[in-house]
Amino acid sequence: MSSTADVILYGGSIITMDEKNPSAEALAVTGNIITAVGKLDEVFALAGETTKVIYLNQKTLLPGFIEPHTHATALVLVNTAYTNISGYDYHTYNDVNEKMKETIRKLDTETSPLPWALFFGWDPELIPSLPLLSADFLDKVFSSEVPVVVVGQSGHVAWVNRKAFEVANVDDSIENADGGVFVKDDEGHLTGQLFEVYAIERVTSYAPQPTLSDLQTKIKDQWKDFASRGFTTVTEMAYQRNPAFDTLLLKESEQRDCPIRLALYQVVYGPENSIKEEKSSTRSHYQCCPSLLRIDDSMDGSLDQDEPIIEGSDKLWVAGVKVIADGSPHCGTAAVQEPYLNSNLTEILGFPESPQYGTLNYTTDELLEIVQSYHKKGTQIAIHAHGERAIDQVLTVYEQVVSKVPKDTRHRIEHLGLATVDTIARAGELKLALSFFVCHLYFYAKSFTEYIFGRERTDLNRDD
C-alpha cells in the first residue's frame, strides 16, 4: 500500500465512533481504505503532490450508515416489475388513479403473452381517499383486457382483476393453502382480494419474468441510491437462495465500483432448514415480506440449486438467519394481546373479522427448537415479532437458550411494534440487538393510535 494519501479531509467535526478517541482533526484515504485518523500533523505527513485536500468548512464527517433492516434485493425485484403507487410518493386517490391508468395505456396489448399491469404500494393508511378494491372495481375502472395486480404497501395483501385470475388459471374452486387466502363472497365467488404469499404468488407467478439484464440495471441503480443517502452497509432480511439471482448479486458485488456492502439474513422455518425442505414443505406461516415475483431458479440453465453461490466476502455475505414469529399490524396478523379495533380503515385494509388477535407462527417449543439449533452453531438469529404475544414468546425462548449456552452472538428482535418498557428491559438483560422501526411511527402513528390499536395500546409505558 502506498504511504501517500489520495485524499485528506480536515477542518470539521470528524466522528470516529471510537470511545477512546471519539473525534479527530483529520482523516486520510488511500484507495478505498481509510489509512489515518488523528491529529493534523500526523495525517498531513501522508500528503504528497497528488493528494487531494478537502477542507470541511466546519461540517461533520462521520462513518457511513449501516441500514440494519431493509429488503435490498426485494426492492430490486419490485422496482424491476412493479409500478410504484406508494403513499410515500402519492397523496390522493386521483394521483394514484392517474398513474395506474397511464401505466396501463402504455402496455402493448397486441403482444403474446399479454403484458401485466403490476402495482405496488396501495396504502389506505396514508391515502384515506383510496376506495375498497375488488376484481369488479379493477375491471370497471382500470382494465378488463390485461391482468392487473395491486399489492398493498405491507406486502401481505393484494387485489387482482378477472383477467389475472383467468391467465393464472384460478377460479372459484381454488382452496386456501400455506397461509394464503383467496377471499370469496357469501356465494363462494372470488372477490379479487388475496392474502399472504401463497395466494399472491399463485397469481403473480404467471406474470412475465424480468430479464437478467433488467435486474442487473436495477441492482446498480438501487446500490447507487443507497450510497447517495449515506448507507455503506445494507441488509436483505428475507433472503432466499436463488442460483440465478445469487450469481448476479455476486457478480455485482465483485465490481470495483460497487458502492455498498450487503448482509443477507436467510429466512428459515425449522432447525434443519434446507432449500429442498423449504420447497417441499407445506407452511401456514405468515410471511413478513412475501415474494411478489418469481425468478426462475435456472434462468441461465446451468446452475446447481443445491450448491450455495454466496460463500461470503467483505462485500456480500450471509450474516445470519431470519425467523418470522408473527404477522403484520397492517393487515391484522401480528400476534397481539388484545383484539384489533374494528374500524372503517381495518375493513378497507382487509383485516380478518373482529375480534381478531393475530397469529403466532410457532408454538413456543417449535420456536425454541429452531433458536437452539442455530444458537449452538454460533449463527446470529433475527426474529420478526410485532405483537405483544410474539415479543413475549421470543424473549421467553431467548432467555432459555442464552442462559444455558452463553455466546456473544447478539441475537436480534425485529420490529417490536408493541414493545413496553418492561419487555425492552428483559431484552437488555440478554444483550439482544433490538431493531425498532421508527419510520412506522413517523408514517403510521395516527392509524395505529386511532384505527388499529387505540391510544392506550400504543403507550410505551402501559402495563404488560
Protein backbone atom coordinates (compact mmCIF):
# COMPACT_ATOMS: atom_id res chain seq x y z
CA MET A 1 0.00 0.00 0.00
CA SER A 2 1.30 3.45 -0.91
CA SER A 3 2.32 5.68 2.01
CA THR A 4 0.96 8.71 0.15
CA ALA A 5 -2.70 9.52 0.76
CA ASP A 6 -5.07 10.05 -2.15
CA VAL A 7 -7.40 12.26 -0.10
CA ILE A 8 -7.08 14.16 3.18
CA LEU A 9 -10.07 15.75 4.92
CA TYR A 10 -9.80 18.27 7.75
CA GLY A 11 -11.37 21.39 9.24
CA GLY A 12 -14.58 19.97 10.68
CA SER A 13 -16.01 17.61 13.24
CA ILE A 14 -14.69 14.14 12.38
CA ILE A 15 -16.59 11.50 14.34
CA THR A 16 -14.76 8.18 14.70
CA MET A 17 -17.22 6.04 16.74
CA ASP A 18 -14.18 5.06 18.86
CA GLU A 19 -14.91 5.53 22.58
CA LYS A 20 -11.24 6.15 23.39
CA ASN A 21 -10.77 8.67 20.57
CA PRO A 22 -14.26 9.94 19.66
CA SER A 23 -13.07 12.74 17.37
CA ALA A 24 -10.14 13.57 15.11
CA GLU A 25 -8.61 16.60 13.43
CA ALA A 26 -8.02 14.97 10.05
CA LEU A 27 -8.56 11.79 8.06
CA ALA A 28 -6.60 10.26 5.17
CA VAL A 29 -7.81 7.86 2.48
CA THR A 30 -5.68 5.76 0.14
CA GLY A 31 -7.56 3.82 -2.50
CA ASN A 32 -10.71 2.56 -0.77
CA ILE A 33 -9.09 2.37 2.66
CA ILE A 34 -9.02 4.91 5.49
CA THR A 35 -5.28 4.94 6.23
CA ALA A 36 -5.04 7.50 9.02
CA VAL A 37 -7.29 9.20 11.55
CA GLY A 38 -5.82 11.61 14.07
CA LYS A 39 -4.03 14.90 14.56
CA LEU A 40 -3.31 17.28 11.70
CA ASP A 41 0.46 16.80 11.69
CA GLU A 42 0.18 13.01 11.76
CA VAL A 43 -2.30 12.84 8.89
CA PHE A 44 -0.69 15.52 6.73
CA ALA A 45 2.58 13.62 6.96
CA LEU A 46 0.95 11.32 4.37
CA ALA A 47 0.30 14.16 1.90
CA GLY A 48 2.04 14.10 -1.46
CA GLU A 49 2.00 16.08 -4.69
CA THR A 50 -1.11 14.28 -5.95
CA THR A 51 -3.04 14.26 -2.66
CA LYS A 52 -6.44 15.94 -2.85
CA VAL A 53 -7.03 18.05 0.27
CA ILE A 54 -10.63 18.78 1.28
CA TYR A 55 -11.48 21.47 3.84
CA LEU A 56 -14.73 20.52 5.59
CA ASN A 57 -15.61 24.12 6.46
CA GLN A 58 -16.76 23.07 9.95
CA LYS A 59 -19.11 20.40 8.59
CA THR A 60 -19.36 16.96 10.19
CA LEU A 61 -17.74 13.86 8.75
CA LEU A 62 -18.93 10.52 10.07
CA PRO A 63 -18.75 6.86 9.04
CA GLY A 64 -21.27 5.53 6.54
CA PHE A 65 -24.61 4.42 7.92
CA ILE A 66 -25.47 0.75 8.44
CA GLU A 67 -29.09 0.02 7.48
CA PRO A 68 -29.79 -2.95 9.78
CA HIS A 69 -33.21 -3.95 8.44
CA THR A 70 -34.27 -3.44 4.88
CA HIS A 71 -35.04 -5.60 1.86
CA ALA A 72 -32.30 -4.58 -0.51
CA THR A 73 -32.79 -7.39 -3.03
CA ALA A 74 -36.59 -7.44 -2.75
CA LEU A 75 -36.54 -3.74 -3.67
CA VAL A 76 -34.66 -4.65 -6.83
CA LEU A 77 -37.28 -7.23 -7.80
CA VAL A 78 -40.22 -4.94 -7.04
CA ASN A 79 -38.66 -1.95 -8.82
CA THR A 80 -37.97 -4.09 -11.88
CA ALA A 81 -41.51 -5.30 -12.48
CA TYR A 82 -43.88 -3.14 -10.42
CA THR A 83 -45.06 0.45 -10.81
CA ASN A 84 -44.83 2.41 -7.57
CA ILE A 85 -48.10 3.85 -6.20
CA SER A 86 -46.94 4.23 -2.61
CA GLY A 87 -48.37 6.72 -0.17
CA TYR A 88 -44.81 7.90 0.36
CA ASP A 89 -44.90 9.38 -3.14
CA TYR A 90 -48.59 9.90 -3.93
CA HIS A 91 -51.07 11.71 -1.70
CA THR A 92 -54.53 11.42 -3.26
CA TYR A 93 -56.58 8.75 -4.99
CA ASN A 94 -56.72 10.96 -8.08
CA ASP A 95 -52.91 10.87 -8.30
CA VAL A 96 -52.81 7.09 -7.89
CA ASN A 97 -55.68 6.59 -10.34
CA GLU A 98 -53.95 8.70 -12.98
CA LYS A 99 -50.63 6.85 -12.55
CA MET A 100 -52.28 3.45 -12.86
CA LYS A 101 -54.26 4.41 -15.96
CA GLU A 102 -51.19 5.96 -17.57
CA THR A 103 -49.20 2.77 -16.96
CA ILE A 104 -51.93 0.57 -18.44
CA ARG A 105 -52.32 2.80 -21.51
CA LYS A 106 -48.65 2.27 -22.37
CA LEU A 107 -48.96 -1.54 -22.42
CA ASP A 108 -48.92 -3.25 -25.79
CA THR A 109 -51.99 -5.48 -25.65
CA GLU A 110 -51.26 -6.96 -29.08
CA THR A 111 -48.24 -8.93 -27.85
CA SER A 112 -48.26 -12.51 -26.66
CA PRO A 113 -48.11 -13.33 -23.84
CA LEU A 114 -50.15 -10.41 -22.56
CA PRO A 115 -48.24 -7.81 -20.53
CA TRP A 116 -49.27 -7.44 -16.91
CA ALA A 117 -50.02 -4.22 -15.04
CA LEU A 118 -48.32 -4.73 -11.67
CA PHE A 119 -48.60 -2.05 -8.98
CA PHE A 120 -47.04 -1.90 -5.52
CA GLY A 121 -47.78 0.33 -2.53
CA TRP A 122 -51.59 0.66 -2.26
CA ASP A 123 -51.87 2.31 1.16
CA PRO A 124 -55.21 3.46 2.63
CA GLU A 125 -53.40 4.33 5.88
CA LEU A 126 -51.50 7.16 4.18
CA ILE A 127 -54.10 7.92 1.49
CA PRO A 128 -57.52 7.78 3.22
CA SER A 129 -59.34 8.58 -0.03
CA LEU A 130 -58.42 5.22 -1.58
CA PRO A 131 -61.52 3.10 -2.32
CA LEU A 132 -62.18 -0.51 -1.39
CA LEU A 133 -60.75 -2.65 -4.18
CA SER A 134 -62.21 -5.75 -5.82
CA ALA A 135 -61.87 -7.61 -9.10
CA ASP A 136 -65.04 -5.94 -10.37
CA PHE A 137 -63.71 -2.49 -9.43
CA LEU A 138 -60.38 -3.10 -11.19
CA ASP A 139 -62.16 -4.40 -14.30
CA LYS A 140 -64.50 -1.43 -14.45
CA VAL A 141 -62.13 1.41 -13.54
CA PHE A 142 -58.79 0.26 -14.95
CA SER A 143 -58.85 -2.67 -17.38
CA SER A 144 -60.50 -5.99 -18.10
CA GLU A 145 -58.20 -6.68 -21.09
CA VAL A 146 -54.86 -7.14 -19.30
CA PRO A 147 -54.06 -8.75 -15.93
CA VAL A 148 -53.99 -6.11 -13.19
CA VAL A 149 -52.39 -6.72 -9.78
CA VAL A 150 -52.35 -4.17 -6.95
CA VAL A 151 -50.22 -5.09 -3.92
CA GLY A 152 -50.66 -3.31 -0.60
CA GLN A 153 -47.77 -1.43 0.99
CA SER A 154 -47.40 -4.14 3.65
CA GLY A 155 -46.86 -6.83 1.01
CA HIS A 156 -49.36 -9.08 2.78
CA VAL A 157 -52.44 -8.27 0.70
CA ALA A 158 -53.21 -7.81 -2.99
CA TRP A 159 -56.15 -7.29 -5.31
CA VAL A 160 -56.37 -8.63 -8.85
CA ASN A 161 -58.83 -8.35 -11.73
CA ARG A 162 -60.66 -11.16 -13.53
CA LYS A 163 -58.10 -11.29 -16.34
CA ALA A 164 -55.33 -12.03 -13.86
CA PHE A 165 -57.37 -14.92 -12.46
CA GLU A 166 -58.04 -16.17 -15.99
CA VAL A 167 -54.38 -16.14 -17.07
CA ALA A 168 -53.32 -17.76 -13.79
CA ASN A 169 -55.98 -20.49 -14.16
CA VAL A 170 -57.62 -19.53 -10.87
CA ASP A 171 -61.38 -19.98 -10.47
CA ASP A 172 -63.91 -20.22 -7.66
CA SER A 173 -62.94 -23.81 -6.90
CA ILE A 174 -59.47 -22.85 -5.64
CA GLU A 175 -58.80 -23.56 -1.97
CA ASN A 176 -56.73 -21.71 0.59
CA ALA A 177 -53.34 -23.24 1.36
CA ASP A 178 -49.99 -22.49 3.02
CA GLY A 179 -51.43 -19.46 4.79
CA GLY A 180 -52.65 -17.94 1.53
CA VAL A 181 -56.26 -16.81 1.36
CA PHE A 182 -58.39 -16.33 -1.75
CA VAL A 183 -61.21 -14.18 -0.42
CA LYS A 184 -64.69 -15.22 -1.59
CA ASP A 185 -68.11 -13.67 -1.13
CA ASP A 186 -71.08 -15.33 0.57
CA GLU A 187 -71.91 -17.17 -2.65
CA GLY A 188 -68.39 -18.60 -2.98
CA HIS A 189 -67.21 -16.31 -5.78
CA LEU A 190 -63.70 -14.82 -5.78
CA THR A 191 -63.71 -11.14 -4.83
CA GLY A 192 -60.23 -10.40 -6.15
CA GLN A 193 -58.63 -9.94 -2.73
CA LEU A 194 -55.66 -12.14 -1.81
CA PHE A 195 -53.82 -12.58 1.48
CA GLU A 196 -50.24 -13.73 2.03
CA VAL A 197 -47.51 -15.21 -0.10
CA TYR A 198 -49.13 -18.40 -1.41
CA ALA A 199 -52.22 -16.69 -2.80
CA ILE A 200 -50.33 -13.69 -4.20
CA GLU A 201 -47.63 -15.81 -5.83
CA ARG A 202 -50.22 -18.24 -7.17
CA VAL A 203 -51.33 -15.39 -9.44
CA THR A 204 -48.19 -13.29 -9.98
CA SER A 205 -46.08 -16.32 -10.93
CA TYR A 206 -47.82 -16.18 -14.32
CA ALA A 207 -46.57 -12.65 -15.00
CA PRO A 208 -43.65 -12.31 -17.44
CA GLN A 209 -40.31 -12.61 -15.67
CA PRO A 210 -37.75 -9.80 -15.83
CA THR A 211 -34.59 -10.40 -17.78
CA LEU A 212 -31.24 -10.74 -16.05
CA SER A 213 -30.20 -7.59 -17.89
CA ASP A 214 -33.12 -5.67 -16.37
CA LEU A 215 -32.27 -6.99 -12.92
CA GLN A 216 -28.62 -6.07 -13.33
CA THR A 217 -29.55 -2.49 -14.22
CA LYS A 218 -31.90 -2.20 -11.25
CA ILE A 219 -29.27 -3.62 -8.88
CA LYS A 220 -26.79 -0.94 -9.97
CA ASP A 221 -29.44 1.77 -9.62
CA GLN A 222 -30.51 0.56 -6.17
CA TRP A 223 -26.94 0.29 -4.89
CA LYS A 224 -26.18 3.84 -6.07
CA ASP A 225 -29.35 5.11 -4.40
CA PHE A 226 -28.35 3.56 -1.06
CA ALA A 227 -24.87 5.07 -1.31
CA SER A 228 -26.24 8.50 -2.24
CA ARG A 229 -28.16 8.52 1.06
CA GLY A 230 -25.07 7.73 3.11
CA PHE A 231 -25.54 3.97 3.50
CA THR A 232 -22.42 1.87 3.10
CA THR A 233 -23.86 -1.38 4.50
CA VAL A 234 -27.43 -2.58 3.88
CA THR A 235 -29.33 -5.79 4.53
CA GLU A 236 -31.77 -8.18 2.96
CA MET A 237 -33.86 -9.51 5.83
CA ALA A 238 -35.83 -12.10 3.87
CA TYR A 239 -33.14 -13.69 1.73
CA GLN A 240 -33.95 -16.95 -0.03
CA ARG A 241 -31.36 -18.68 -2.15
CA ASN A 242 -31.83 -18.47 -5.90
CA PRO A 243 -28.90 -19.56 -8.08
CA ALA A 244 -29.53 -17.22 -11.00
CA PHE A 245 -30.17 -14.14 -8.88
CA ASP A 246 -27.41 -15.02 -6.38
CA THR A 247 -24.91 -15.28 -9.23
CA LEU A 248 -25.96 -11.84 -10.38
CA LEU A 249 -25.61 -10.40 -6.86
CA LEU A 250 -22.17 -11.95 -6.52
CA LYS A 251 -21.05 -10.56 -9.87
CA GLU A 252 -22.19 -7.04 -9.00
CA SER A 253 -20.63 -7.15 -5.52
CA GLU A 254 -17.27 -8.02 -7.07
CA GLN A 255 -17.27 -4.96 -9.31
CA ARG A 256 -14.65 -2.41 -8.33
CA ASP A 257 -17.21 0.40 -8.25
CA CYS A 258 -19.74 -1.46 -6.06
CA PRO A 259 -20.61 1.26 -3.52
CA ILE A 260 -22.13 -0.84 -0.71
CA ARG A 261 -21.78 -3.97 1.38
CA LEU A 262 -24.77 -6.31 1.53
CA ALA A 263 -25.54 -8.57 4.50
CA LEU A 264 -28.10 -11.32 3.93
CA TYR A 265 -30.35 -12.94 6.54
CA GLN A 266 -31.78 -16.20 5.21
CA VAL A 267 -35.39 -16.96 6.10
CA VAL A 268 -35.67 -20.34 7.85
CA TYR A 269 -38.69 -22.30 9.01
CA GLY A 270 -37.13 -25.06 11.08
CA PRO A 271 -33.91 -26.21 12.76
CA GLU A 272 -32.80 -28.36 9.83
CA ASN A 273 -33.59 -25.87 7.11
CA SER A 274 -32.55 -26.60 3.53
CA ILE A 275 -33.59 -25.38 0.12
CA LYS A 276 -35.19 -28.74 -0.69
CA GLU A 277 -37.12 -28.86 2.59
CA GLU A 278 -38.38 -25.30 2.13
CA LYS A 279 -39.64 -26.08 -1.36
CA SER A 280 -41.36 -29.30 -0.40
CA SER A 281 -42.83 -28.20 2.92
CA THR A 282 -46.38 -27.04 3.46
CA ARG A 283 -46.38 -23.94 5.63
CA SER A 284 -49.21 -21.94 7.15
CA HIS A 285 -46.93 -19.17 8.40
CA TYR A 286 -47.50 -15.51 7.68
CA GLN A 287 -44.60 -14.03 5.75
CA CYS A 288 -43.06 -10.72 6.81
CA CYS A 289 -42.27 -9.73 3.23
CA PRO A 290 -43.86 -12.02 0.66
CA SER A 291 -42.05 -12.62 -2.59
CA LEU A 292 -44.01 -10.68 -5.16
CA LEU A 293 -42.22 -12.01 -8.20
CA ARG A 294 -40.86 -15.41 -9.10
CA ILE A 295 -37.35 -15.67 -10.51
CA ASP A 296 -36.71 -18.97 -12.24
CA ASP A 297 -34.07 -20.91 -10.29
CA SER A 298 -32.22 -21.70 -13.50
CA MET A 299 -32.67 -18.66 -15.70
CA ASP A 300 -29.22 -19.30 -17.13
CA GLY A 301 -29.87 -23.03 -17.38
CA SER A 302 -26.57 -24.12 -15.87
CA LEU A 303 -26.65 -23.76 -12.09
CA ASP A 304 -26.92 -26.41 -9.39
CA GLN A 305 -29.51 -25.04 -7.00
CA ASP A 306 -28.30 -27.20 -4.11
CA GLU A 307 -24.86 -25.58 -4.00
CA PRO A 308 -24.64 -22.15 -2.33
CA ILE A 309 -23.43 -19.44 -4.69
CA ILE A 310 -22.68 -16.84 -2.00
CA GLU A 311 -19.90 -18.10 0.25
CA GLY A 312 -19.03 -14.75 1.78
CA SER A 313 -16.76 -11.78 1.14
CA ASP A 314 -16.26 -8.32 2.59
CA LYS A 315 -18.94 -7.03 0.17
CA LEU A 316 -21.55 -9.82 0.21
CA TRP A 317 -22.20 -12.40 2.90
CA VAL A 318 -24.87 -14.37 4.76
CA ALA A 319 -24.90 -12.68 8.17
CA GLY A 320 -27.45 -14.89 9.88
CA VAL A 321 -30.92 -16.39 9.75
CA LYS A 322 -34.36 -14.80 9.95
CA VAL A 323 -37.32 -16.35 11.77
CA ILE A 324 -40.83 -14.92 11.45
CA ALA A 325 -42.74 -15.24 14.72
CA ASP A 326 -45.94 -13.42 13.74
CA GLY A 327 -47.50 -11.27 11.03
CA SER A 328 -48.12 -7.59 10.35
CA PRO A 329 -50.15 -4.93 12.19
CA HIS A 330 -51.10 -3.51 8.80
CA CYS A 331 -53.38 -6.44 8.00
CA GLY A 332 -54.30 -7.79 11.42
CA THR A 333 -51.92 -10.76 11.62
CA ALA A 334 -49.41 -9.54 14.26
CA ALA A 335 -49.96 -11.62 17.43
CA VAL A 336 -51.46 -9.11 19.87
CA GLN A 337 -52.67 -9.35 23.47
CA GLU A 338 -55.96 -7.50 22.93
CA PRO A 339 -58.12 -7.56 19.78
CA TYR A 340 -57.64 -5.11 16.95
CA LEU A 341 -60.08 -2.25 16.66
CA ASN A 342 -63.00 -2.66 14.30
CA SER A 343 -62.89 0.47 12.12
CA ASN A 344 -63.53 1.60 8.58
CA LEU A 345 -59.78 1.53 7.95
CA THR A 346 -59.32 -2.05 9.17
CA GLU A 347 -62.19 -3.07 6.89
CA ILE A 348 -60.58 -1.40 3.86
CA LEU A 349 -57.22 -2.95 4.79
CA GLY A 350 -58.92 -6.35 4.79
CA PHE A 351 -58.42 -7.34 8.43
CA PRO A 352 -59.96 -10.68 9.50
CA GLU A 353 -63.34 -10.41 11.20
CA SER A 354 -63.31 -8.92 14.72
CA PRO A 355 -62.42 -9.93 17.39
CA GLN A 356 -59.01 -10.83 15.99
CA TYR A 357 -55.76 -11.38 17.89
CA GLY A 358 -53.38 -12.19 15.05
CA THR A 359 -51.34 -15.34 14.65
CA LEU A 360 -48.26 -16.90 16.23
CA ASN A 361 -46.44 -18.84 13.54
CA TYR A 362 -44.91 -21.31 16.02
CA THR A 363 -45.60 -22.88 19.36
CA THR A 364 -43.03 -21.92 21.97
CA ASP A 365 -41.49 -25.40 21.78
CA GLU A 366 -41.16 -25.17 17.99
CA LEU A 367 -39.52 -21.76 18.19
CA LEU A 368 -37.22 -22.97 20.96
CA GLU A 369 -36.02 -25.86 18.80
CA ILE A 370 -35.21 -23.52 15.91
CA VAL A 371 -33.36 -20.99 18.06
CA GLN A 372 -31.38 -23.68 19.92
CA SER A 373 -30.24 -25.20 16.63
CA TYR A 374 -28.78 -22.01 15.18
CA HIS A 375 -27.54 -20.64 18.51
CA LYS A 376 -25.38 -23.74 19.01
CA LYS A 377 -23.87 -23.18 15.57
CA GLY A 378 -22.95 -19.62 16.51
CA THR A 379 -25.29 -18.20 13.89
CA GLN A 380 -26.86 -14.82 14.56
CA ILE A 381 -30.66 -15.07 14.71
CA ALA A 382 -33.07 -12.24 13.88
CA ILE A 383 -36.71 -12.84 14.84
CA HIS A 384 -39.61 -10.81 13.47
CA ALA A 385 -42.02 -10.04 16.35
CA HIS A 386 -44.60 -7.24 16.17
CA GLY A 387 -47.35 -8.02 18.68
CA GLU A 388 -47.12 -8.38 22.47
CA ARG A 389 -47.70 -12.14 22.39
CA ALA A 390 -44.96 -12.64 19.81
CA ILE A 391 -42.48 -10.40 21.63
CA ASP A 392 -43.09 -12.23 24.92
CA GLN A 393 -42.71 -15.62 23.23
CA VAL A 394 -39.42 -14.63 21.58
CA LEU A 395 -37.99 -13.24 24.83
CA THR A 396 -39.00 -16.40 26.70
CA VAL A 397 -37.18 -18.54 24.13
CA TYR A 398 -34.06 -16.36 24.10
CA GLU A 399 -33.97 -16.41 27.92
CA GLN A 400 -33.95 -20.21 27.93
CA VAL A 401 -31.33 -20.56 25.19
CA VAL A 402 -28.87 -17.83 26.14
CA SER A 403 -28.82 -18.76 29.85
CA LYS A 404 -27.90 -22.38 29.08
CA VAL A 405 -25.34 -21.80 26.33
CA PRO A 406 -23.95 -18.25 26.59
CA LYS A 407 -22.48 -16.93 23.34
CA ASP A 408 -21.50 -13.44 22.23
CA THR A 409 -23.77 -13.62 19.19
CA ARG A 410 -26.02 -10.60 19.83
CA HIS A 411 -29.24 -12.14 18.57
CA ARG A 412 -31.90 -9.74 17.32
CA ILE A 413 -35.60 -8.95 17.53
CA GLU A 414 -37.14 -7.09 14.59
CA HIS A 415 -39.97 -4.51 14.66
CA LEU A 416 -41.15 -4.72 18.31
CA GLY A 417 -44.23 -2.78 17.32
CA LEU A 418 -45.98 -3.15 20.70
CA ALA A 419 -42.96 -3.43 22.99
CA THR A 420 -43.17 -1.99 26.51
CA VAL A 421 -40.56 -0.63 28.90
CA ASP A 422 -40.61 -3.98 30.72
CA THR A 423 -40.06 -6.08 27.60
CA ILE A 424 -37.24 -3.79 26.49
CA ALA A 425 -35.63 -4.25 29.92
CA ARG A 426 -35.87 -8.05 29.52
CA ALA A 427 -34.16 -7.78 26.15
CA GLY A 428 -31.44 -5.62 27.70
CA GLU A 429 -30.66 -8.31 30.26
CA LEU A 430 -29.99 -10.68 27.37
CA LYS A 431 -27.89 -8.12 25.45
CA LEU A 432 -30.16 -8.51 22.43
CA ALA A 433 -29.94 -6.13 19.48
CA LEU A 434 -33.36 -4.50 19.06
CA SER A 435 -34.31 -3.30 15.60
CA PHE A 436 -37.07 -0.73 16.07
CA PHE A 437 -38.95 0.72 13.12
CA VAL A 438 -39.09 4.43 13.81
CA CYS A 439 -40.43 5.02 10.30
CA HIS A 440 -43.57 3.07 11.23
CA LEU A 441 -44.31 5.69 13.87
CA TYR A 442 -43.46 8.55 11.54
CA PHE A 443 -45.83 7.37 8.83
CA TYR A 444 -48.40 5.26 10.68
CA ALA A 445 -48.73 6.63 14.23
CA LYS A 446 -52.16 8.09 13.50
CA SER A 447 -53.60 4.91 12.02
CA PHE A 448 -52.11 2.81 14.85
CA THR A 449 -53.46 5.02 17.64
CA GLU A 450 -56.86 5.86 16.20
CA TYR A 451 -57.92 2.99 13.94
CA ILE A 452 -55.88 -0.18 14.56
CA PHE A 453 -54.79 -0.42 18.24
CA GLY A 454 -56.11 2.59 20.17
CA ARG A 455 -54.20 5.20 22.16
CA GLU A 456 -53.78 3.15 25.36
CA ARG A 457 -52.31 0.22 23.44
CA THR A 458 -49.64 2.37 21.80
CA ASP A 459 -48.35 3.86 25.07
CA LEU A 460 -44.84 2.53 25.72
CA ASN A 461 -45.36 2.80 29.49
CA ARG A 462 -48.57 0.79 29.56
CA ASP A 463 -48.81 -2.28 31.76
CA ASP A 464 -47.87 -5.58 30.11
